[in-house]
């Protein structure tokens, strides 16, 4: 459901393209390209795009809870804020894609193999 709504961003927002993404059990990563014509800013700002995504996924989750498919949640599904980073060049893009690609293994290791004092 999360991936479906994420990819729907490209249909909802004409100038947007999802470059790379990873859906984790407790967070997501995605690289979003926003290509405004002639370098201008004519579309919605990033926070409006993220708000639309969070609203769509929350509404869908609520439907699935009411159907008995998913468990209820307490207050919010998504955290209030999000982290954004403007990619500056090919090396930066490579590093961020690599970070996203490696994230599942890193997350699993941190969750299951924490060193205890």
PDB file of N, CA and C in Angstrom:
ATOM      1  N   UNK A   1       0.828  -1.186   0.000  1.00  0.00           N
ATOM      2  CA  UNK A   1       0.000   0.000   0.000  1.00  0.00           C
ATOM      3  C   UNK A   1       0.880   1.260   0.000  1.00  0.00           C
ATOM      4  N   UNK A   2       1.931   1.251   0.783  1.00  0.00           N
ATOM      5  CA  UNK A   2       2.829   2.411   0.845  1.00  0.00           C
ATOM      6  C   UNK A   2       3.472   2.656  -0.516  1.00  0.00           C
ATOM      7  N   UNK A   3       3.972   1.603  -1.137  1.00  0.00           N
ATOM      8  CA  UNK A   3       4.607   1.763  -2.443  1.00  0.00           C
ATOM      9  C   UNK A   3       3.600   2.244  -3.490  1.00  0.00           C
ATOM     10  N   UNK A   4       2.395   1.707  -3.441  1.00  0.00           N
ATOM     11  CA  UNK A   4       1.353   2.127  -4.387  1.00  0.00           C
ATOM     12  C   UNK A   4       1.087   3.632  -4.263  1.00  0.00           C
ATOM     13  N   UNK A   5       0.952   4.119  -3.041  1.00  0.00           N
ATOM     14  CA  UNK A   5       0.697   5.555  -2.829  1.00  0.00           C
ATOM     15  C   UNK A   5       1.927   6.389  -3.180  1.00  0.00           C
ATOM     16  N   UNK A   6       3.102   5.848  -2.926  1.00  0.00           N
ATOM     17  CA  UNK A   6       4.331   6.562  -3.272  1.00  0.00           C
ATOM     18  C   UNK A   6       4.433   6.745  -4.785  1.00  0.00           C
ATOM     19  N   UNK A   7       4.190   5.673  -5.525  1.00  0.00           N
ATOM     20  CA  UNK A   7       4.279   5.759  -6.981  1.00  0.00           C
ATOM     21  C   UNK A   7       3.146   6.594  -7.566  1.00  0.00           C
ATOM     22  N   UNK A   8       2.034   6.699  -6.849  1.00  0.00           N
ATOM     23  CA  UNK A   8       0.922   7.548  -7.294  1.00  0.00           C
ATOM     24  C   UNK A   8       1.285   9.031  -7.251  1.00  0.00           C
ATOM     25  N   UNK A   9       2.330   9.363  -6.516  1.00  0.00           N
ATOM     26  CA  UNK A   9       2.789  10.758  -6.488  1.00  0.00           C
ATOM     27  C   UNK A   9       3.119  11.248  -7.897  1.00  0.00           C
ATOM     28  N   UNK A  10       3.658  10.353  -8.720  1.00  0.00           N
ATOM     29  CA  UNK A  10       4.041  10.732 -10.082  1.00  0.00           C
ATOM     30  C   UNK A  10       2.823  11.089 -10.934  1.00  0.00           C
ATOM     31  N   UNK A  11       1.693  10.482 -10.663  1.00  0.00           N
ATOM     32  CA  UNK A  11       0.463  10.810 -11.393  1.00  0.00           C
ATOM     33  C   UNK A  11      -0.187  12.074 -10.843  1.00  0.00           C
ATOM     34  N   UNK A  12      -0.111  12.223  -9.542  1.00  0.00           N
ATOM     35  CA  UNK A  12      -0.731  13.380  -8.886  1.00  0.00           C
ATOM     36  C   UNK A  12       0.019  14.683  -9.197  1.00  0.00           C
ATOM     37  N   UNK A  13       1.341  14.607  -9.213  1.00  0.00           N
ATOM     38  CA  UNK A  13       2.174  15.793  -9.409  1.00  0.00           C
ATOM     39  C   UNK A  13       2.970  15.614 -10.697  1.00  0.00           C
ATOM     40  N   UNK A  14       2.606  16.359 -11.716  1.00  0.00           N
ATOM     41  CA  UNK A  14       3.170  16.189 -13.065  1.00  0.00           C
ATOM     42  C   UNK A  14       4.690  16.304 -13.138  1.00  0.00           C
ATOM     43  N   UNK A  15       5.276  17.179 -12.346  1.00  0.00           N
ATOM     44  CA  UNK A  15       6.708  17.451 -12.438  1.00  0.00           C
ATOM     45  C   UNK A  15       7.547  16.587 -11.501  1.00  0.00           C
ATOM     46  N   UNK A  16       6.934  15.576 -10.898  1.00  0.00           N
ATOM     47  CA  UNK A  16       7.614  14.775  -9.894  1.00  0.00           C
ATOM     48  C   UNK A  16       7.912  13.371 -10.433  1.00  0.00           C
ATOM     49  N   UNK A  17       9.077  12.859 -10.049  1.00  0.00           N
ATOM     50  CA  UNK A  17       9.455  11.487 -10.398  1.00  0.00           C
ATOM     51  C   UNK A  17      10.167  10.868  -9.202  1.00  0.00           C
ATOM     52  N   UNK A  18       9.771   9.647  -8.865  1.00  0.00           N
ATOM     53  CA  UNK A  18      10.459   8.905  -7.808  1.00  0.00           C
ATOM     54  C   UNK A  18      11.677   8.238  -8.443  1.00  0.00           C
ATOM     55  N   UNK A  19      12.855   8.591  -7.978  1.00  0.00           N
ATOM     56  CA  UNK A  19      14.096   8.064  -8.538  1.00  0.00           C
ATOM     57  C   UNK A  19      14.469   6.733  -7.895  1.00  0.00           C
ATOM     58  N   UNK A  20      14.426   6.667  -6.586  1.00  0.00           N
ATOM     59  CA  UNK A  20      14.912   5.512  -5.850  1.00  0.00           C
ATOM     60  C   UNK A  20      14.189   5.500  -4.525  1.00  0.00           C
ATOM     61  N   UNK A  21      13.825   4.321  -4.033  1.00  0.00           N
ATOM     62  CA  UNK A  21      13.140   4.287  -2.744  1.00  0.00           C
ATOM     63  C   UNK A  21      13.351   2.952  -2.037  1.00  0.00           C
ATOM     64  N   UNK A  22      13.069   2.957  -0.741  1.00  0.00           N
ATOM     65  CA  UNK A  22      13.142   1.763   0.081  1.00  0.00           C
ATOM     66  C   UNK A  22      12.110   1.918   1.193  1.00  0.00           C
ATOM     67  N   UNK A  23      11.262   0.912   1.339  1.00  0.00           N
ATOM     68  CA  UNK A  23      10.240   0.935   2.383  1.00  0.00           C
ATOM     69  C   UNK A  23      10.689  -0.012   3.489  1.00  0.00           C
ATOM     70  N   UNK A  24      10.844   0.537   4.673  1.00  0.00           N
ATOM     71  CA  UNK A  24      11.301  -0.207   5.834  1.00  0.00           C
ATOM     72  C   UNK A  24      10.122  -0.427   6.779  1.00  0.00           C
ATOM     73  N   UNK A  25      10.276  -1.309   7.774  1.00  0.00           N
ATOM     74  CA  UNK A  25       9.164  -1.533   8.706  1.00  0.00           C
ATOM     75  C   UNK A  25       8.753  -0.292   9.507  1.00  0.00           C
ATOM     76  N   UNK A  26       9.700   0.616   9.753  1.00  0.00           N
ATOM     77  CA  UNK A  26       9.371   1.778  10.576  1.00  0.00           C
ATOM     78  C   UNK A  26       9.725   3.120   9.941  1.00  0.00           C
ATOM     79  N   UNK A  27      10.111   3.123   8.677  1.00  0.00           N
ATOM     80  CA  UNK A  27      10.394   4.378   7.979  1.00  0.00           C
ATOM     81  C   UNK A  27      10.558   4.095   6.482  1.00  0.00           C
ATOM     82  N   UNK A  28      10.624   5.161   5.717  1.00  0.00           N
ATOM     83  CA  UNK A  28      10.863   5.014   4.279  1.00  0.00           C
ATOM     84  C   UNK A  28      11.957   5.990   3.853  1.00  0.00           C
ATOM     85  N   UNK A  29      12.578   5.657   2.738  1.00  0.00           N
ATOM     86  CA  UNK A  29      13.526   6.555   2.079  1.00  0.00           C
ATOM     87  C   UNK A  29      13.061   6.699   0.637  1.00  0.00           C
ATOM     88  N   UNK A  30      13.142   7.903   0.110  1.00  0.00           N
ATOM     89  CA  UNK A  30      12.886   8.076  -1.314  1.00  0.00           C
ATOM     90  C   UNK A  30      13.628   9.289  -1.831  1.00  0.00           C
ATOM     91  N   UNK A  31      14.100   9.144  -3.051  1.00  0.00           N
ATOM     92  CA  UNK A  31      14.686  10.279  -3.767  1.00  0.00           C
ATOM     93  C   UNK A  31      13.608  10.758  -4.722  1.00  0.00           C
ATOM     94  N   UNK A  32      13.290  12.030  -4.600  1.00  0.00           N
ATOM     95  CA  UNK A  32      12.232  12.634  -5.408  1.00  0.00           C
ATOM     96  C   UNK A  32      12.852  13.706  -6.295  1.00  0.00           C
ATOM     97  N   UNK A  33      12.629  13.562  -7.595  1.00  0.00           N
ATOM     98  CA  UNK A  33      13.036  14.608  -8.540  1.00  0.00           C
ATOM     99  C   UNK A  33      11.822  15.484  -8.804  1.00  0.00           C
ATOM    100  N   UNK A  34      11.999  16.780  -8.672  1.00  0.00           N
ATOM    101  CA  UNK A  34      10.952  17.731  -9.021  1.00  0.00           C
ATOM    102  C   UNK A  34      11.515  18.595 -10.139  1.00  0.00           C
ATOM    103  N   UNK A  35      11.019  18.385 -11.348  1.00  0.00           N
ATOM    104  CA  UNK A  35      11.534  19.072 -12.536  1.00  0.00           C
ATOM    105  C   UNK A  35      10.559  20.153 -12.970  1.00  0.00           C
ATOM    106  N   UNK A  36      10.784  21.335 -12.499  1.00  0.00           N
ATOM    107  CA  UNK A  36       9.922  22.442 -12.887  1.00  0.00           C
ATOM    108  C   UNK A  36      10.384  22.999 -14.234  1.00  0.00           C
ATOM    109  N   UNK A  37       9.449  23.329 -15.107  1.00  0.00           N
ATOM    110  CA  UNK A  37       9.814  23.852 -16.432  1.00  0.00           C
ATOM    111  C   UNK A  37      10.707  25.091 -16.328  1.00  0.00           C
ATOM    112  N   UNK A  38      11.739  25.073 -17.120  1.00  0.00           N
ATOM    113  CA  UNK A  38      12.649  26.214 -17.233  1.00  0.00           C
ATOM    114  C   UNK A  38      13.220  26.648 -15.890  1.00  0.00           C
ATOM    115  N   UNK A  39      13.350  25.706 -14.950  1.00  0.00           N
ATOM    116  CA  UNK A  39      13.950  26.016 -13.660  1.00  0.00           C
ATOM    117  C   UNK A  39      13.060  26.824 -12.740  1.00  0.00           C
ATOM    118  N   UNK A  40      11.861  27.174 -13.164  1.00  0.00           N
ATOM    119  CA  UNK A  40      10.954  27.935 -12.323  1.00  0.00           C
ATOM    120  C   UNK A  40      10.274  27.051 -11.308  1.00  0.00           C
ATOM    121  N   UNK A  41       9.543  27.660 -10.411  1.00  0.00           N
ATOM    122  CA  UNK A  41       8.802  26.904  -9.402  1.00  0.00           C
ATOM    123  C   UNK A  41       7.317  27.153  -9.607  1.00  0.00           C
ATOM    124  N   UNK A  42       6.678  26.209 -10.309  1.00  0.00           N
ATOM    125  CA  UNK A  42       5.262  26.388 -10.603  1.00  0.00           C
ATOM    126  C   UNK A  42       4.385  25.380  -9.875  1.00  0.00           C
ATOM    127  N   UNK A  43       4.966  24.312  -9.387  1.00  0.00           N
ATOM    128  CA  UNK A  43       4.185  23.277  -8.720  1.00  0.00           C
ATOM    129  C   UNK A  43       4.153  23.476  -7.223  1.00  0.00           C
ATOM    130  N   UNK A  44       3.516  22.531  -6.530  1.00  0.00           N
ATOM    131  CA  UNK A  44       3.433  22.635  -5.073  1.00  0.00           C
ATOM    132  C   UNK A  44       4.801  22.407  -4.427  1.00  0.00           C
ATOM    133  N   UNK A  45       5.026  23.004  -3.264  1.00  0.00           N
ATOM    134  CA  UNK A  45       6.285  22.786  -2.552  1.00  0.00           C
ATOM    135  C   UNK A  45       6.354  21.363  -1.989  1.00  0.00           C
ATOM    136  N   UNK A  46       7.544  20.944  -1.651  1.00  0.00           N
ATOM    137  CA  UNK A  46       7.761  19.583  -1.173  1.00  0.00           C
ATOM    138  C   UNK A  46       6.878  19.249   0.024  1.00  0.00           C
ATOM    139  N   UNK A  47       6.721  20.168   0.955  1.00  0.00           N
ATOM    140  CA  UNK A  47       5.914  19.835   2.137  1.00  0.00           C
ATOM    141  C   UNK A  47       4.458  19.532   1.772  1.00  0.00           C
ATOM    142  N   UNK A  48       3.939  20.131   0.721  1.00  0.00           N
ATOM    143  CA  UNK A  48       2.579  19.817   0.273  1.00  0.00           C
ATOM    144  C   UNK A  48       2.508  18.426  -0.349  1.00  0.00           C
ATOM    145  N   UNK A  49       3.549  18.051  -1.051  1.00  0.00           N
ATOM    146  CA  UNK A  49       3.622  16.718  -1.654  1.00  0.00           C
ATOM    147  C   UNK A  49       3.686  15.656  -0.559  1.00  0.00           C
ATOM    148  N   UNK A  50       4.523  15.879   0.429  1.00  0.00           N
ATOM    149  CA  UNK A  50       4.645  14.934   1.539  1.00  0.00           C
ATOM    150  C   UNK A  50       3.341  14.861   2.321  1.00  0.00           C
ATOM    151  N   UNK A  51       2.703  15.998   2.551  1.00  0.00           N
ATOM    152  CA  UNK A  51       1.419  16.008   3.264  1.00  0.00           C
ATOM    153  C   UNK A  51       0.388  15.175   2.509  1.00  0.00           C
ATOM    154  N   UNK A  52       0.319  15.320   1.176  1.00  0.00           N
ATOM    155  CA  UNK A  52      -0.622  14.536   0.370  1.00  0.00           C
ATOM    156  C   UNK A  52      -0.336  13.043   0.526  1.00  0.00           C
ATOM    157  N   UNK A  53       0.944  12.664   0.441  1.00  0.00           N
ATOM    158  CA  UNK A  53       1.334  11.264   0.589  1.00  0.00           C
ATOM    159  C   UNK A  53       0.931  10.721   1.959  1.00  0.00           C
ATOM    160  N   UNK A  54       1.228  11.453   3.010  1.00  0.00           N
ATOM    161  CA  UNK A  54       0.881  10.999   4.365  1.00  0.00           C
ATOM    162  C   UNK A  54      -0.628  10.891   4.545  1.00  0.00           C
ATOM    163  N   UNK A  55      -1.377  11.821   3.991  1.00  0.00           N
ATOM    164  CA  UNK A  55      -2.843  11.775   4.084  1.00  0.00           C
ATOM    165  C   UNK A  55      -3.394  10.560   3.357  1.00  0.00           C
ATOM    166  N   UNK A  56      -2.909  10.320   2.141  1.00  0.00           N
ATOM    167  CA  UNK A  56      -3.397   9.182   1.358  1.00  0.00           C
ATOM    168  C   UNK A  56      -3.091   7.850   2.044  1.00  0.00           C
ATOM    169  N   UNK A  57      -1.889   7.712   2.561  1.00  0.00           N
ATOM    170  CA  UNK A  57      -1.523   6.450   3.204  1.00  0.00           C
ATOM    171  C   UNK A  57      -2.268   6.272   4.524  1.00  0.00           C
ATOM    172  N   UNK A  58      -2.456   7.343   5.270  1.00  0.00           N
ATOM    173  CA  UNK A  58      -3.208   7.255   6.529  1.00  0.00           C
ATOM    174  C   UNK A  58      -4.651   6.867   6.262  1.00  0.00           C
ATOM    175  N   UNK A  59      -5.278   7.481   5.267  1.00  0.00           N
ATOM    176  CA  UNK A  59      -6.664   7.146   4.933  1.00  0.00           C
ATOM    177  C   UNK A  59      -6.793   5.684   4.514  1.00  0.00           C
ATOM    178  N   UNK A  60      -5.852   5.211   3.727  1.00  0.00           N
ATOM    179  CA  UNK A  60      -5.884   3.818   3.297  1.00  0.00           C
ATOM    180  C   UNK A  60      -5.674   2.877   4.484  1.00  0.00           C
ATOM    181  N   UNK A  61      -4.773   3.246   5.359  1.00  0.00           N
ATOM    182  CA  UNK A  61      -4.520   2.427   6.546  1.00  0.00           C
ATOM    183  C   UNK A  61      -5.781   2.332   7.396  1.00  0.00           C
ATOM    184  N   UNK A  62      -6.462   3.462   7.585  1.00  0.00           N
ATOM    185  CA  UNK A  62      -7.700   3.470   8.368  1.00  0.00           C
ATOM    186  C   UNK A  62      -8.734   2.528   7.750  1.00  0.00           C
ATOM    187  N   UNK A  63      -8.861   2.548   6.423  1.00  0.00           N
ATOM    188  CA  UNK A  63      -9.786   1.622   5.743  1.00  0.00           C
ATOM    189  C   UNK A  63      -9.427   0.173   6.042  1.00  0.00           C
ATOM    190  N   UNK A  64      -8.129  -0.135   6.025  1.00  0.00           N
ATOM    191  CA  UNK A  64      -7.683  -1.503   6.277  1.00  0.00           C
ATOM    192  C   UNK A  64      -7.875  -1.901   7.742  1.00  0.00           C
ATOM    193  N   UNK A  65      -7.767  -0.951   8.652  1.00  0.00           N
ATOM    194  CA  UNK A  65      -8.061  -1.223  10.073  1.00  0.00           C
ATOM    195  C   UNK A  65      -9.539  -1.551  10.236  1.00  0.00           C
ATOM    196  N   UNK A  66     -10.398  -0.741   9.608  1.00  0.00           N
ATOM    197  CA  UNK A  66     -11.851  -0.961   9.707  1.00  0.00           C
ATOM    198  C   UNK A  66     -12.257  -2.292   9.084  1.00  0.00           C
ATOM    199  N   UNK A  67     -11.495  -2.771   8.119  1.00  0.00           N
ATOM    200  CA  UNK A  67     -11.762  -4.064   7.485  1.00  0.00           C
ATOM    201  C   UNK A  67     -11.194  -5.225   8.290  1.00  0.00           C
ATOM    202  N   UNK A  68     -10.446  -4.918   9.337  1.00  0.00           N
ATOM    203  CA  UNK A  68      -9.849  -5.957  10.161  1.00  0.00           C
ATOM    204  C   UNK A  68      -8.567  -6.527   9.593  1.00  0.00           C
ATOM    205  N   UNK A  69      -8.015  -5.890   8.569  1.00  0.00           N
ATOM    206  CA  UNK A  69      -6.798  -6.392   7.918  1.00  0.00           C
ATOM    207  C   UNK A  69      -5.534  -5.945   8.653  1.00  0.00           C
ATOM    208  N   UNK A  70      -5.537  -4.708   9.141  1.00  0.00           N
ATOM    209  CA  UNK A  70      -4.381  -4.173   9.858  1.00  0.00           C
ATOM    210  C   UNK A  70      -4.777  -3.811  11.287  1.00  0.00           C
ATOM    211  N   UNK A  71      -3.791  -3.817  12.194  1.00  0.00           N
ATOM    212  CA  UNK A  71      -4.099  -3.456  13.589  1.00  0.00           C
ATOM    213  C   UNK A  71      -4.307  -1.942  13.727  1.00  0.00           C
ATOM    214  N   UNK A  72      -5.089  -1.538  14.722  1.00  0.00           N
ATOM    215  CA  UNK A  72      -5.273  -0.091  14.961  1.00  0.00           C
ATOM    216  C   UNK A  72      -3.950   0.561  15.351  1.00  0.00           C
ATOM    217  N   UNK A  73      -3.906   1.868  15.206  1.00  0.00           N
ATOM    218  CA  UNK A  73      -2.706   2.619  15.578  1.00  0.00           C
ATOM    219  C   UNK A  73      -3.092   3.651  16.628  1.00  0.00           C
ATOM    220  N   UNK A  74      -2.112   4.134  17.339  1.00  0.00           N
ATOM    221  CA  UNK A  74      -2.323   5.119  18.393  1.00  0.00           C
ATOM    222  C   UNK A  74      -1.927   6.503  17.897  1.00  0.00           C
ATOM    223  N   UNK A  75      -2.865   7.363  17.697  1.00  0.00           N
ATOM    224  CA  UNK A  75      -2.701   8.783  17.337  1.00  0.00           C
ATOM    225  C   UNK A  75      -2.246   9.017  15.901  1.00  0.00           C
ATOM    226  N   UNK A  76      -0.993   8.642  15.568  1.00  0.00           N
ATOM    227  CA  UNK A  76      -0.444   8.964  14.249  1.00  0.00           C
ATOM    228  C   UNK A  76       0.293   7.765  13.658  1.00  0.00           C
ATOM    229  N   UNK A  77       0.228   7.652  12.350  1.00  0.00           N
ATOM    230  CA  UNK A  77       1.040   6.649  11.665  1.00  0.00           C
ATOM    231  C   UNK A  77       2.409   7.237  11.352  1.00  0.00           C
ATOM    232  N   UNK A  78       2.402   8.484  10.892  1.00  0.00           N
ATOM    233  CA  UNK A  78       3.631   9.147  10.469  1.00  0.00           C
ATOM    234  C   UNK A  78       4.112  10.115  11.528  1.00  0.00           C
ATOM    235  N   UNK A  79       5.424  10.276  11.615  1.00  0.00           N
ATOM    236  CA  UNK A  79       5.959  11.328  12.474  1.00  0.00           C
ATOM    237  C   UNK A  79       5.641  12.671  11.842  1.00  0.00           C
ATOM    238  N   UNK A  80       5.674  13.697  12.623  1.00  0.00           N
ATOM    239  CA  UNK A  80       5.267  15.013  12.142  1.00  0.00           C
ATOM    240  C   UNK A  80       6.176  15.554  11.047  1.00  0.00           C
ATOM    241  N   UNK A  81       7.466  15.432  11.228  1.00  0.00           N
ATOM    242  CA  UNK A  81       8.424  16.012  10.290  1.00  0.00           C
ATOM    243  C   UNK A  81       9.003  14.963   9.351  1.00  0.00           C
ATOM    244  N   UNK A  82       9.870  15.397   8.483  1.00  0.00           N
ATOM    245  CA  UNK A  82      10.603  14.519   7.590  1.00  0.00           C
ATOM    246  C   UNK A  82      11.954  15.157   7.334  1.00  0.00           C
ATOM    247  N   UNK A  83      12.896  14.357   6.886  1.00  0.00           N
ATOM    248  CA  UNK A  83      14.237  14.851   6.587  1.00  0.00           C
ATOM    249  C   UNK A  83      14.343  15.066   5.088  1.00  0.00           C
ATOM    250  N   UNK A  84      14.850  16.188   4.711  1.00  0.00           N
ATOM    251  CA  UNK A  84      15.071  16.453   3.290  1.00  0.00           C
ATOM    252  C   UNK A  84      16.511  16.882   3.068  1.00  0.00           C
ATOM    253  N   UNK A  85      16.986  16.596   1.877  1.00  0.00           N
ATOM    254  CA  UNK A  85      18.354  16.939   1.505  1.00  0.00           C
ATOM    255  C   UNK A  85      18.361  17.238   0.010  1.00  0.00           C
ATOM    256  N   UNK A  86      18.898  18.355  -0.373  1.00  0.00           N
ATOM    257  CA  UNK A  86      19.034  18.681  -1.790  1.00  0.00           C
ATOM    258  C   UNK A  86      20.290  17.985  -2.312  1.00  0.00           C
ATOM    259  N   UNK A  87      20.116  17.171  -3.324  1.00  0.00           N
ATOM    260  CA  UNK A  87      21.232  16.417  -3.895  1.00  0.00           C
ATOM    261  C   UNK A  87      22.031  17.340  -4.803  1.00  0.00           C
ATOM    262  N   UNK A  88      23.300  17.397  -4.551  1.00  0.00           N
ATOM    263  CA  UNK A  88      24.172  18.310  -5.274  1.00  0.00           C
ATOM    264  C   UNK A  88      25.246  17.534  -6.023  1.00  0.00           C
ATOM    265  N   UNK A  89      24.890  17.040  -7.182  1.00  0.00           N
ATOM    266  CA  UNK A  89      25.877  16.391  -8.039  1.00  0.00           C
ATOM    267  C   UNK A  89      25.774  14.875  -8.039  1.00  0.00           C
ATOM    268  N   UNK A  90      26.481  14.288  -8.983  1.00  0.00           N
ATOM    269  CA  UNK A  90      26.444  12.845  -9.194  1.00  0.00           C
ATOM    270  C   UNK A  90      27.011  12.061  -8.008  1.00  0.00           C
ATOM    271  N   UNK A  91      28.074  12.547  -7.409  1.00  0.00           N
ATOM    272  CA  UNK A  91      28.673  11.833  -6.273  1.00  0.00           C
ATOM    273  C   UNK A  91      27.701  11.790  -5.097  1.00  0.00           C
ATOM    274  N   UNK A  92      27.048  12.894  -4.830  1.00  0.00           N
ATOM    275  CA  UNK A  92      26.045  12.964  -3.769  1.00  0.00           C
ATOM    276  C   UNK A  92      24.892  12.009  -4.063  1.00  0.00           C
ATOM    277  N   UNK A  93      24.427  11.997  -5.304  1.00  0.00           N
ATOM    278  CA  UNK A  93      23.342  11.102  -5.707  1.00  0.00           C
ATOM    279  C   UNK A  93      23.759   9.647  -5.507  1.00  0.00           C
ATOM    280  N   UNK A  94      24.960   9.284  -5.921  1.00  0.00           N
ATOM    281  CA  UNK A  94      25.460   7.928  -5.746  1.00  0.00           C
ATOM    282  C   UNK A  94      25.474   7.546  -4.268  1.00  0.00           C
ATOM    283  N   UNK A  95      26.020   8.434  -3.421  1.00  0.00           N
ATOM    284  CA  UNK A  95      26.127   8.157  -1.981  1.00  0.00           C
ATOM    285  C   UNK A  95      24.754   7.945  -1.352  1.00  0.00           C
ATOM    286  N   UNK A  96      23.786   8.748  -1.734  1.00  0.00           N
ATOM    287  CA  UNK A  96      22.450   8.628  -1.153  1.00  0.00           C
ATOM    288  C   UNK A  96      21.763   7.360  -1.652  1.00  0.00           C
ATOM    289  N   UNK A  97      21.898   7.039  -2.917  1.00  0.00           N
ATOM    290  CA  UNK A  97      21.331   5.777  -3.420  1.00  0.00           C
ATOM    291  C   UNK A  97      21.965   4.587  -2.687  1.00  0.00           C
ATOM    292  N   UNK A  98      23.248   4.646  -2.474  1.00  0.00           N
ATOM    293  CA  UNK A  98      23.948   3.562  -1.768  1.00  0.00           C
ATOM    294  C   UNK A  98      23.453   3.460  -0.333  1.00  0.00           C
ATOM    295  N   UNK A  99      23.266   4.574   0.332  1.00  0.00           N
ATOM    296  CA  UNK A  99      22.743   4.585   1.695  1.00  0.00           C
ATOM    297  C   UNK A  99      21.359   3.928   1.736  1.00  0.00           C
ATOM    298  N   UNK A 100      20.489   4.288   0.780  1.00  0.00           N
ATOM    299  CA  UNK A 100      19.149   3.715   0.715  1.00  0.00           C
ATOM    300  C   UNK A 100      19.225   2.209   0.442  1.00  0.00           C
ATOM    301  N   UNK A 101      20.087   1.812  -0.468  1.00  0.00           N
ATOM    302  CA  UNK A 101      20.242   0.395  -0.813  1.00  0.00           C
ATOM    303  C   UNK A 101      20.726  -0.424   0.377  1.00  0.00           C
ATOM    304  N   UNK A 102      21.641   0.131   1.162  1.00  0.00           N
ATOM    305  CA  UNK A 102      22.220  -0.587   2.299  1.00  0.00           C
ATOM    306  C   UNK A 102      21.358  -0.516   3.559  1.00  0.00           C
ATOM    307  N   UNK A 103      20.350   0.322   3.558  1.00  0.00           N
ATOM    308  CA  UNK A 103      19.569   0.571   4.762  1.00  0.00           C
ATOM    309  C   UNK A 103      18.893  -0.674   5.341  1.00  0.00           C
ATOM    310  N   UNK A 104      18.286  -1.553   4.550  1.00  0.00           N
ATOM    311  CA  UNK A 104      17.644  -2.735   5.161  1.00  0.00           C
ATOM    312  C   UNK A 104      18.615  -3.591   5.984  1.00  0.00           C
ATOM    313  N   UNK A 105      19.786  -3.853   5.468  1.00  0.00           N
ATOM    314  CA  UNK A 105      20.763  -4.669   6.206  1.00  0.00           C
ATOM    315  C   UNK A 105      21.228  -3.936   7.460  1.00  0.00           C
ATOM    316  N   UNK A 106      21.486  -2.655   7.355  1.00  0.00           N
ATOM    317  CA  UNK A 106      21.925  -1.856   8.498  1.00  0.00           C
ATOM    318  C   UNK A 106      20.842  -1.834   9.573  1.00  0.00           C
ATOM    319  N   UNK A 107      19.574  -1.629   9.161  1.00  0.00           N
ATOM    320  CA  UNK A 107      18.443  -1.592  10.089  1.00  0.00           C
ATOM    321  C   UNK A 107      18.300  -2.934  10.805  1.00  0.00           C
ATOM    322  N   UNK A 108      18.354  -4.037  10.045  1.00  0.00           N
ATOM    323  CA  UNK A 108      18.221  -5.369  10.625  1.00  0.00           C
ATOM    324  C   UNK A 108      19.317  -5.615  11.657  1.00  0.00           C
ATOM    325  N   UNK A 109      20.545  -5.280  11.310  1.00  0.00           N
ATOM    326  CA  UNK A 109      21.669  -5.478  12.218  1.00  0.00           C
ATOM    327  C   UNK A 109      21.475  -4.672  13.502  1.00  0.00           C
ATOM    328  N   UNK A 110      21.088  -3.416  13.385  1.00  0.00           N
ATOM    329  CA  UNK A 110      20.901  -2.557  14.554  1.00  0.00           C
ATOM    330  C   UNK A 110      19.770  -3.063  15.452  1.00  0.00           C
ATOM    331  N   UNK A 111      18.697  -3.593  14.848  1.00  0.00           N
ATOM    332  CA  UNK A 111      17.559  -4.086  15.624  1.00  0.00           C
ATOM    333  C   UNK A 111      17.853  -5.407  16.327  1.00  0.00           C
ATOM    334  N   UNK A 112      18.663  -6.266  15.705  1.00  0.00           N
ATOM    335  CA  UNK A 112      18.826  -7.623  16.212  1.00  0.00           C
ATOM    336  C   UNK A 112      20.181  -7.944  16.825  1.00  0.00           C
ATOM    337  N   UNK A 113      21.162  -7.128  16.593  1.00  0.00           N
ATOM    338  CA  UNK A 113      22.498  -7.440  17.076  1.00  0.00           C
ATOM    339  C   UNK A 113      23.137  -6.281  17.825  1.00  0.00           C
ATOM    340  N   UNK A 114      22.355  -5.609  18.628  1.00  0.00           N
ATOM    341  CA  UNK A 114      22.916  -4.504  19.419  1.00  0.00           C
ATOM    342  C   UNK A 114      23.833  -5.047  20.500  1.00  0.00           C
ATOM    343  N   UNK A 115      24.965  -4.391  20.658  1.00  0.00           N
ATOM    344  CA  UNK A 115      25.913  -4.792  21.690  1.00  0.00           C
ATOM    345  C   UNK A 115      25.428  -4.241  23.017  1.00  0.00           C
ATOM    346  N   UNK A 116      25.319  -5.140  23.994  1.00  0.00           N
ATOM    347  CA  UNK A 116      24.849  -4.745  25.317  1.00  0.00           C
ATOM    348  C   UNK A 116      26.045  -4.669  26.269  1.00  0.00           C
ATOM    349  N   UNK A 117      26.045  -3.623  27.088  1.00  0.00           N
ATOM    350  CA  UNK A 117      27.140  -3.458  28.058  1.00  0.00           C
ATOM    351  C   UNK A 117      26.983  -4.391  29.230  1.00  0.00           C
TER     352      UNK A 117
END
